[in-house]
Amino acid sequence: MDENTVGKGARRGRPPKKEYDPAAVLQELLDTVDEVYREKQEIKATAAELDLATLKVKKLLITSGQLNYQETELIQRLREEGKSLEQIGEILHLSRASINSYLPYSKVPYKGELSQNAERVKKYQLRRKAVAKLKEEPTEENLWQCIIAFQAYPFFTASGLPFTYELKLGRNGEFTKELFVDRMANSKSLTWSSVRIAFERAREQSGIVERPKALGDIRGISYVYSLLWRFGMIAVPEKIAEKMGGS
């Protein structure tokens, strides 16, 4: 191939840079945050779901009109009257940071943030589709696709302890069927067989699964219990659901 027809990045083996439409990425993020907030009904839980700062989620919800604060209207009215942020702070007894937290976004995020936001939306959509597919067809293959999609996701045990897991690639370039849980750093990984057995037990259950051990004396069941609940495979008591939801 003629070298002149190949870009420098391609000659060096670099992937082509992605170009993002700032307005489209921002709108997609706004729509996604709105969707998650309507489901979670809580800013903190929405932030955890999308790996965003709570303050950013609040501002995004204000920007989309999902949240309305009296302070937002007062601040915007005072700004239209020509008041400076310092004057507004004195009038409303708010710090500059507090004033900013009540205002919608007015600038397009910088390029690095655009790519991060696009990736967050992509991961959320991937997880949502994986869960929907598993609910529709509760097979081991669809369960495994959920496991892949939820890597690094912030889970909580029934007692409220946070944890995440990751998978490792084998020599064949595919994920090995072991879940490396961050809270199990000094022990063996969570095996696929444990997840699979608990999954089969869950499919046999009807009604609320009161506690992890109700699925059996399975190694790592406290973690698998949380996964199966998040994937929509089991129902749990309301108090436990609150803890596993990060509340």
C-alpha atoms as a PDB file:
ATOM      1  CA  MET A   1       0.000   0.000   0.000  1.00  0.00           C
ATOM      2  CA  ASP A   2       1.271   3.488  -0.890  1.00  0.00           C
ATOM      3  CA  GLU A   3       2.563   5.152   2.273  1.00  0.00           C
ATOM      4  CA  ASN A   4       1.013   8.424   1.166  1.00  0.00           C
ATOM      5  CA  THR A   5      -2.431   6.874   1.449  1.00  0.00           C
ATOM      6  CA  VAL A   6      -1.926   5.861   5.070  1.00  0.00           C
ATOM      7  CA  GLY A   7      -2.135   8.323   7.959  1.00  0.00           C
ATOM      8  CA  LYS A   8       0.691   8.637  10.459  1.00  0.00           C
ATOM      9  CA  GLY A   9      -1.455   7.148  13.213  1.00  0.00           C
ATOM     10  CA  ALA A  10      -2.272   4.117  11.075  1.00  0.00           C
ATOM     11  CA  ARG A  11       1.420   3.573  10.202  1.00  0.00           C
ATOM     12  CA  ARG A  12       2.241   3.498  13.891  1.00  0.00           C
ATOM     13  CA  GLY A  13      -0.581   1.101  14.686  1.00  0.00           C
ATOM     14  CA  ARG A  14      -2.682   3.688  16.490  1.00  0.00           C
ATOM     15  CA  PRO A  15      -6.472   3.460  16.243  1.00  0.00           C
ATOM     16  CA  PRO A  16      -8.135   6.433  14.562  1.00  0.00           C
ATOM     17  CA  LYS A  17      -9.298   9.132  16.946  1.00  0.00           C
ATOM     18  CA  LYS A  18     -13.018   9.253  17.567  1.00  0.00           C
ATOM     19  CA  GLU A  19     -14.809  12.462  16.744  1.00  0.00           C
ATOM     20  CA  TYR A  20     -17.741  13.367  18.973  1.00  0.00           C
ATOM     21  CA  ASP A  21     -20.627  15.705  18.284  1.00  0.00           C
ATOM     22  CA  PRO A  22     -20.644  17.758  21.521  1.00  0.00           C
ATOM     23  CA  ALA A  23     -24.340  18.628  21.361  1.00  0.00           C
ATOM     24  CA  ALA A  24     -25.346  15.036  20.595  1.00  0.00           C
ATOM     25  CA  VAL A  25     -23.171  13.583  23.382  1.00  0.00           C
ATOM     26  CA  LEU A  26     -24.511  16.083  25.910  1.00  0.00           C
ATOM     27  CA  GLN A  27     -28.122  15.376  24.912  1.00  0.00           C
ATOM     28  CA  GLU A  28     -27.561  11.630  25.117  1.00  0.00           C
ATOM     29  CA  LEU A  29     -26.059  12.060  28.574  1.00  0.00           C
ATOM     30  CA  LEU A  30     -28.972  14.253  29.671  1.00  0.00           C
ATOM     31  CA  ASP A  31     -31.469  11.669  28.411  1.00  0.00           C
ATOM     32  CA  THR A  32     -29.596   8.833  30.132  1.00  0.00           C
ATOM     33  CA  VAL A  33     -29.347  10.660  33.463  1.00  0.00           C
ATOM     34  CA  ASP A  34     -33.060  11.456  33.269  1.00  0.00           C
ATOM     35  CA  GLU A  35     -33.881   7.820  32.565  1.00  0.00           C
ATOM     36  CA  VAL A  36     -31.794   6.503  35.458  1.00  0.00           C
ATOM     37  CA  TYR A  37     -33.105   9.149  37.860  1.00  0.00           C
ATOM     38  CA  ARG A  38     -36.724   8.266  37.039  1.00  0.00           C
ATOM     39  CA  GLU A  39     -35.893   4.680  37.951  1.00  0.00           C
ATOM     40  CA  LYS A  40     -33.753   5.348  41.023  1.00  0.00           C
ATOM     41  CA  GLN A  41     -35.532   8.468  42.296  1.00  0.00           C
ATOM     42  CA  GLU A  42     -32.301   9.518  43.980  1.00  0.00           C
ATOM     43  CA  ILE A  43     -29.339  11.623  42.870  1.00  0.00           C
ATOM     44  CA  LYS A  44     -26.764   9.545  44.735  1.00  0.00           C
ATOM     45  CA  ALA A  45     -27.974   6.251  43.234  1.00  0.00           C
ATOM     46  CA  THR A  46     -28.102   7.813  39.772  1.00  0.00           C
ATOM     47  CA  ALA A  47     -24.529   9.034  40.164  1.00  0.00           C
ATOM     48  CA  ALA A  48     -23.343   5.581  41.236  1.00  0.00           C
ATOM     49  CA  GLU A  49     -25.104   3.898  38.311  1.00  0.00           C
ATOM     50  CA  LEU A  50     -23.343   6.131  35.782  1.00  0.00           C
ATOM     51  CA  ASP A  51     -20.046   6.668  37.618  1.00  0.00           C
ATOM     52  CA  LEU A  52     -20.632  10.411  37.854  1.00  0.00           C
ATOM     53  CA  ALA A  53     -20.176  12.910  40.672  1.00  0.00           C
ATOM     54  CA  THR A  54     -23.410  13.659  42.540  1.00  0.00           C
ATOM     55  CA  LEU A  55     -23.003  17.393  41.908  1.00  0.00           C
ATOM     56  CA  LYS A  56     -22.686  16.773  38.180  1.00  0.00           C
ATOM     57  CA  VAL A  57     -25.829  14.630  38.171  1.00  0.00           C
ATOM     58  CA  LYS A  58     -27.706  17.372  40.009  1.00  0.00           C
ATOM     59  CA  LYS A  59     -26.630  19.971  37.439  1.00  0.00           C
ATOM     60  CA  LEU A  60     -27.508  17.678  34.549  1.00  0.00           C
ATOM     61  CA  LEU A  61     -30.983  17.114  35.998  1.00  0.00           C
ATOM     62  CA  ILE A  62     -31.406  20.873  36.414  1.00  0.00           C
ATOM     63  CA  THR A  63     -30.208  21.396  32.839  1.00  0.00           C
ATOM     64  CA  SER A  64     -32.752  18.914  31.467  1.00  0.00           C
ATOM     65  CA  GLY A  65     -35.549  20.339  33.601  1.00  0.00           C
ATOM     66  CA  GLN A  66     -36.000  17.109  35.537  1.00  0.00           C
ATOM     67  CA  LEU A  67     -35.239  18.948  38.789  1.00  0.00           C
ATOM     68  CA  ASN A  68     -36.489  22.423  39.634  1.00  0.00           C
ATOM     69  CA  TYR A  69     -35.223  24.436  42.572  1.00  0.00           C
ATOM     70  CA  GLN A  70     -36.501  27.782  43.805  1.00  0.00           C
ATOM     71  CA  GLU A  71     -32.861  28.815  44.210  1.00  0.00           C
ATOM     72  CA  THR A  72     -32.236  28.233  40.496  1.00  0.00           C
ATOM     73  CA  GLU A  73     -35.012  30.625  39.502  1.00  0.00           C
ATOM     74  CA  LEU A  74     -33.879  33.249  42.033  1.00  0.00           C
ATOM     75  CA  ILE A  75     -30.233  33.067  40.924  1.00  0.00           C
ATOM     76  CA  GLN A  76     -31.129  33.297  37.237  1.00  0.00           C
ATOM     77  CA  ARG A  77     -33.434  36.259  37.870  1.00  0.00           C
ATOM     78  CA  LEU A  78     -30.751  38.097  39.839  1.00  0.00           C
ATOM     79  CA  ARG A  79     -28.205  37.439  37.096  1.00  0.00           C
ATOM     80  CA  GLU A  80     -30.609  38.877  34.528  1.00  0.00           C
ATOM     81  CA  GLU A  81     -30.844  41.970  36.746  1.00  0.00           C
ATOM     82  CA  GLY A  82     -27.077  42.340  36.422  1.00  0.00           C
ATOM     83  CA  LYS A  83     -26.098  41.132  39.876  1.00  0.00           C
ATOM     84  CA  SER A  84     -22.633  39.586  40.259  1.00  0.00           C
ATOM     85  CA  LEU A  85     -22.116  36.167  41.849  1.00  0.00           C
ATOM     86  CA  GLU A  86     -20.743  37.898  44.951  1.00  0.00           C
ATOM     87  CA  GLN A  87     -23.854  40.054  45.248  1.00  0.00           C
ATOM     88  CA  ILE A  88     -26.130  37.057  44.671  1.00  0.00           C
ATOM     89  CA  GLY A  89     -24.255  35.161  47.382  1.00  0.00           C
ATOM     90  CA  GLU A  90     -24.808  37.985  49.841  1.00  0.00           C
ATOM     91  CA  ILE A  91     -28.499  38.268  48.982  1.00  0.00           C
ATOM     92  CA  LEU A  92     -29.225  34.521  49.178  1.00  0.00           C
ATOM     93  CA  HIS A  93     -26.602  33.683  51.815  1.00  0.00           C
ATOM     94  CA  LEU A  94     -24.986  31.117  49.530  1.00  0.00           C
ATOM     95  CA  SER A  95     -21.360  30.390  48.741  1.00  0.00           C
ATOM     96  CA  ARG A  96     -20.078  30.632  45.167  1.00  0.00           C
ATOM     97  CA  ALA A  97     -19.943  26.812  44.996  1.00  0.00           C
ATOM     98  CA  SER A  98     -23.546  26.535  46.206  1.00  0.00           C
ATOM     99  CA  ILE A  99     -24.704  29.061  43.625  1.00  0.00           C
ATOM    100  CA  ASN A 100     -22.968  27.104  40.873  1.00  0.00           C
ATOM    101  CA  SER A 101     -24.605  23.859  42.036  1.00  0.00           C
ATOM    102  CA  TYR A 102     -28.057  25.316  41.352  1.00  0.00           C
ATOM    103  CA  LEU A 103     -27.253  26.489  37.820  1.00  0.00           C
ATOM    104  CA  PRO A 104     -27.673  24.450  34.629  1.00  0.00           C
ATOM    105  CA  TYR A 105     -24.734  23.724  32.376  1.00  0.00           C
ATOM    106  CA  SER A 106     -24.114  26.562  29.935  1.00  0.00           C
ATOM    107  CA  LYS A 107     -20.900  25.360  28.290  1.00  0.00           C
ATOM    108  CA  VAL A 108     -20.140  22.309  26.165  1.00  0.00           C
ATOM    109  CA  PRO A 109     -17.779  19.914  28.028  1.00  0.00           C
ATOM    110  CA  TYR A 110     -14.156  19.721  26.877  1.00  0.00           C
ATOM    111  CA  LYS A 111     -13.094  16.972  24.467  1.00  0.00           C
ATOM    112  CA  GLY A 112     -11.740  14.617  27.136  1.00  0.00           C
ATOM    113  CA  GLU A 113     -14.959  14.829  29.113  1.00  0.00           C
ATOM    114  CA  LEU A 114     -16.995  14.284  25.959  1.00  0.00           C
ATOM    115  CA  SER A 115     -15.314  10.925  25.348  1.00  0.00           C
ATOM    116  CA  GLN A 116     -15.780   9.925  29.006  1.00  0.00           C
ATOM    117  CA  ASN A 117     -19.462  10.836  28.904  1.00  0.00           C
ATOM    118  CA  ALA A 118     -19.969   8.952  25.647  1.00  0.00           C
ATOM    119  CA  GLU A 119     -18.318   5.896  27.195  1.00  0.00           C
ATOM    120  CA  ARG A 120     -20.510   6.125  30.314  1.00  0.00           C
ATOM    121  CA  VAL A 121     -23.653   6.195  28.205  1.00  0.00           C
ATOM    122  CA  LYS A 122     -22.387   3.284  26.110  1.00  0.00           C
ATOM    123  CA  LYS A 123     -21.680   1.169  29.217  1.00  0.00           C
ATOM    124  CA  TYR A 124     -25.078   1.957  30.707  1.00  0.00           C
ATOM    125  CA  GLN A 125     -26.876   0.989  27.514  1.00  0.00           C
ATOM    126  CA  LEU A 126     -24.847  -2.215  27.284  1.00  0.00           C
ATOM    127  CA  ARG A 127     -25.767  -3.177  30.853  1.00  0.00           C
ATOM    128  CA  ARG A 128     -29.431  -2.359  30.303  1.00  0.00           C
ATOM    129  CA  LYS A 129     -29.601  -4.465  27.150  1.00  0.00           C
ATOM    130  CA  ALA A 130     -27.801  -7.372  28.839  1.00  0.00           C
ATOM    131  CA  VAL A 131     -30.266  -7.376  31.750  1.00  0.00           C
ATOM    132  CA  ALA A 132     -33.261  -7.124  29.421  1.00  0.00           C
ATOM    133  CA  LYS A 133     -31.972 -10.068  27.395  1.00  0.00           C
ATOM    134  CA  LEU A 134     -31.415 -12.155  30.535  1.00  0.00           C
ATOM    135  CA  LYS A 135     -34.925 -11.447  31.807  1.00  0.00           C
ATOM    136  CA  GLU A 136     -36.350 -12.389  28.438  1.00  0.00           C
ATOM    137  CA  GLU A 137     -34.230 -15.531  28.100  1.00  0.00           C
ATOM    138  CA  PRO A 138     -32.730 -16.613  31.468  1.00  0.00           C
ATOM    139  CA  THR A 139     -29.930 -18.754  30.062  1.00  0.00           C
ATOM    140  CA  GLU A 140     -26.364 -19.249  31.268  1.00  0.00           C
ATOM    141  CA  GLU A 141     -25.039 -17.535  28.136  1.00  0.00           C
ATOM    142  CA  ASN A 142     -27.128 -14.427  28.774  1.00  0.00           C
ATOM    143  CA  LEU A 143     -26.088 -14.494  32.422  1.00  0.00           C
ATOM    144  CA  TRP A 144     -22.456 -14.523  31.316  1.00  0.00           C
ATOM    145  CA  GLN A 145     -23.073 -11.528  29.055  1.00  0.00           C
ATOM    146  CA  CYS A 146     -24.408  -9.675  32.110  1.00  0.00           C
ATOM    147  CA  ILE A 147     -21.279 -10.641  34.035  1.00  0.00           C
ATOM    148  CA  ILE A 148     -19.132  -9.180  31.250  1.00  0.00           C
ATOM    149  CA  ALA A 149     -21.210  -5.987  30.998  1.00  0.00           C
ATOM    150  CA  PHE A 150     -21.146  -5.232  34.735  1.00  0.00           C
ATOM    151  CA  GLN A 151     -17.376  -5.262  35.280  1.00  0.00           C
ATOM    152  CA  ALA A 152     -16.277  -2.416  37.612  1.00  0.00           C
ATOM    153  CA  TYR A 153     -19.932  -1.678  38.454  1.00  0.00           C
ATOM    154  CA  PRO A 154     -20.503  -0.527  42.080  1.00  0.00           C
ATOM    155  CA  PHE A 155     -22.345  -3.395  43.792  1.00  0.00           C
ATOM    156  CA  PHE A 156     -23.267  -3.685  47.478  1.00  0.00           C
ATOM    157  CA  THR A 157     -23.757  -6.803  49.573  1.00  0.00           C
ATOM    158  CA  ALA A 158     -26.910  -7.450  51.594  1.00  0.00           C
ATOM    159  CA  SER A 159     -25.163  -5.838  54.566  1.00  0.00           C
ATOM    160  CA  GLY A 160     -24.236  -2.754  52.543  1.00  0.00           C
ATOM    161  CA  LEU A 161     -20.554  -3.455  51.870  1.00  0.00           C
ATOM    162  CA  PRO A 162     -19.418  -2.056  48.497  1.00  0.00           C
ATOM    163  CA  PHE A 163     -17.582  -4.232  45.994  1.00  0.00           C
ATOM    164  CA  THR A 164     -16.696  -4.483  42.333  1.00  0.00           C
ATOM    165  CA  TYR A 165     -15.274  -7.278  40.227  1.00  0.00           C
ATOM    166  CA  GLU A 166     -13.235  -7.659  37.079  1.00  0.00           C
ATOM    167  CA  LEU A 167     -12.556 -10.407  34.569  1.00  0.00           C
ATOM    168  CA  LYS A 168      -9.218 -11.293  33.032  1.00  0.00           C
ATOM    169  CA  LEU A 169      -8.425 -12.206  29.468  1.00  0.00           C
ATOM    170  CA  GLY A 170      -7.075 -15.643  28.683  1.00  0.00           C
ATOM    171  CA  ARG A 171      -4.508 -16.511  26.051  1.00  0.00           C
ATOM    172  CA  ASN A 172      -7.254 -16.954  23.475  1.00  0.00           C
ATOM    173  CA  GLY A 173      -8.314 -13.339  23.942  1.00  0.00           C
ATOM    174  CA  GLU A 174     -11.578 -14.254  25.688  1.00  0.00           C
ATOM    175  CA  PHE A 175     -12.522 -13.621  29.301  1.00  0.00           C
ATOM    176  CA  THR A 176     -11.739 -16.403  31.736  1.00  0.00           C
ATOM    177  CA  LYS A 177     -14.747 -17.449  33.781  1.00  0.00           C
ATOM    178  CA  GLU A 178     -13.512 -16.134  37.112  1.00  0.00           C
ATOM    179  CA  LEU A 179     -14.690 -13.001  38.881  1.00  0.00           C
ATOM    180  CA  PHE A 180     -11.945 -11.190  40.756  1.00  0.00           C
ATOM    181  CA  VAL A 181     -13.786  -9.339  43.535  1.00  0.00           C
ATOM    182  CA  ASP A 182     -11.927  -6.420  45.086  1.00  0.00           C
ATOM    183  CA  ARG A 183     -13.012  -7.436  48.597  1.00  0.00           C
ATOM    184  CA  MET A 184     -11.505 -10.887  48.053  1.00  0.00           C
ATOM    185  CA  ALA A 185      -7.967  -9.665  47.332  1.00  0.00           C
ATOM    186  CA  ASN A 186      -6.360 -12.162  49.688  1.00  0.00           C
ATOM    187  CA  SER A 187      -8.470 -15.149  48.674  1.00  0.00           C
ATOM    188  CA  LYS A 188      -9.354 -17.080  45.567  1.00  0.00           C
ATOM    189  CA  SER A 189     -11.524 -15.615  42.834  1.00  0.00           C
ATOM    190  CA  LEU A 190     -15.274 -16.092  42.626  1.00  0.00           C
ATOM    191  CA  THR A 191     -15.735 -18.983  40.237  1.00  0.00           C
ATOM    192  CA  TRP A 192     -18.262 -19.218  37.430  1.00  0.00           C
ATOM    193  CA  SER A 193     -19.524 -22.497  38.885  1.00  0.00           C
ATOM    194  CA  SER A 194     -20.616 -20.668  42.058  1.00  0.00           C
ATOM    195  CA  VAL A 195     -22.478 -18.082  40.012  1.00  0.00           C
ATOM    196  CA  ARG A 196     -24.055 -20.742  37.813  1.00  0.00           C
ATOM    197  CA  ILE A 197     -25.235 -22.891  40.745  1.00  0.00           C
ATOM    198  CA  ALA A 198     -26.773 -19.881  42.500  1.00  0.00           C
ATOM    199  CA  PHE A 199     -28.432 -18.876  39.231  1.00  0.00           C
ATOM    200  CA  GLU A 200     -30.022 -22.320  38.868  1.00  0.00           C
ATOM    201  CA  ARG A 201     -31.217 -22.191  42.486  1.00  0.00           C
ATOM    202  CA  ALA A 202     -32.649 -18.715  41.877  1.00  0.00           C
ATOM    203  CA  ARG A 203     -34.654 -19.984  38.913  1.00  0.00           C
ATOM    204  CA  GLU A 204     -36.212 -22.587  41.203  1.00  0.00           C
ATOM    205  CA  GLN A 205     -37.246 -19.951  43.754  1.00  0.00           C
ATOM    206  CA  SER A 206     -40.628 -18.249  43.863  1.00  0.00           C
ATOM    207  CA  GLY A 207     -41.249 -15.098  45.840  1.00  0.00           C
ATOM    208  CA  ILE A 208     -38.728 -13.186  47.894  1.00  0.00           C
ATOM    209  CA  VAL A 209     -35.291 -14.683  48.574  1.00  0.00           C
ATOM    210  CA  GLU A 210     -34.878 -13.582  52.174  1.00  0.00           C
ATOM    211  CA  ARG A 211     -31.079 -13.884  52.459  1.00  0.00           C
ATOM    212  CA  PRO A 212     -28.039 -15.061  50.498  1.00  0.00           C
ATOM    213  CA  LYS A 213     -27.847 -18.480  52.147  1.00  0.00           C
ATOM    214  CA  ALA A 214     -31.421 -19.162  50.995  1.00  0.00           C
ATOM    215  CA  LEU A 215     -29.824 -19.941  47.628  1.00  0.00           C
ATOM    216  CA  GLY A 216     -27.544 -22.517  49.218  1.00  0.00           C
ATOM    217  CA  ASP A 217     -24.235 -22.840  51.022  1.00  0.00           C
ATOM    218  CA  ILE A 218     -22.259 -21.631  48.008  1.00  0.00           C
ATOM    219  CA  ARG A 219     -18.833 -20.029  48.177  1.00  0.00           C
ATOM    220  CA  GLY A 220     -19.118 -16.280  47.600  1.00  0.00           C
ATOM    221  CA  ILE A 221     -22.911 -16.359  47.772  1.00  0.00           C
ATOM    222  CA  SER A 222     -23.030 -12.928  49.472  1.00  0.00           C
ATOM    223  CA  TYR A 223     -21.630 -11.452  46.261  1.00  0.00           C
ATOM    224  CA  VAL A 224     -23.623 -13.595  43.840  1.00  0.00           C
ATOM    225  CA  TYR A 225     -26.837 -12.707  45.700  1.00  0.00           C
ATOM    226  CA  SER A 226     -26.202  -9.035  44.871  1.00  0.00           C
ATOM    227  CA  LEU A 227     -25.456  -9.812  41.236  1.00  0.00           C
ATOM    228  CA  LEU A 228     -28.607 -11.843  40.755  1.00  0.00           C
ATOM    229  CA  TRP A 229     -30.716  -9.120  42.352  1.00  0.00           C
ATOM    230  CA  ARG A 230     -29.197  -6.431  40.127  1.00  0.00           C
ATOM    231  CA  PHE A 231     -29.738  -8.620  37.073  1.00  0.00           C
ATOM    232  CA  GLY A 232     -33.415  -8.948  37.979  1.00  0.00           C
ATOM    233  CA  MET A 233     -33.246 -12.681  38.714  1.00  0.00           C
ATOM    234  CA  ILE A 234     -34.418 -12.545  42.337  1.00  0.00           C
ATOM    235  CA  ALA A 235     -36.598 -10.403  44.582  1.00  0.00           C
ATOM    236  CA  VAL A 236     -35.272  -9.507  48.029  1.00  0.00           C
ATOM    237  CA  PRO A 237     -36.692  -7.882  51.180  1.00  0.00           C
ATOM    238  CA  GLU A 238     -37.121  -4.118  50.918  1.00  0.00           C
ATOM    239  CA  LYS A 239     -34.528  -3.346  53.606  1.00  0.00           C
ATOM    240  CA  ILE A 240     -31.921  -5.471  51.859  1.00  0.00           C
ATOM    241  CA  ALA A 241     -32.788  -3.912  48.487  1.00  0.00           C
ATOM    242  CA  GLU A 242     -32.088  -0.490  49.962  1.00  0.00           C
ATOM    243  CA  LYS A 243     -28.659  -1.592  51.169  1.00  0.00           C
ATOM    244  CA  MET A 244     -27.784  -3.298  47.890  1.00  0.00           C
ATOM    245  CA  GLY A 245     -28.933  -0.198  46.038  1.00  0.00           C
ATOM    246  CA  GLY A 246     -26.388   1.876  47.924  1.00  0.00           C
ATOM    247  CA  SER A 247     -28.860   3.672  50.202  1.00  0.00           C
END
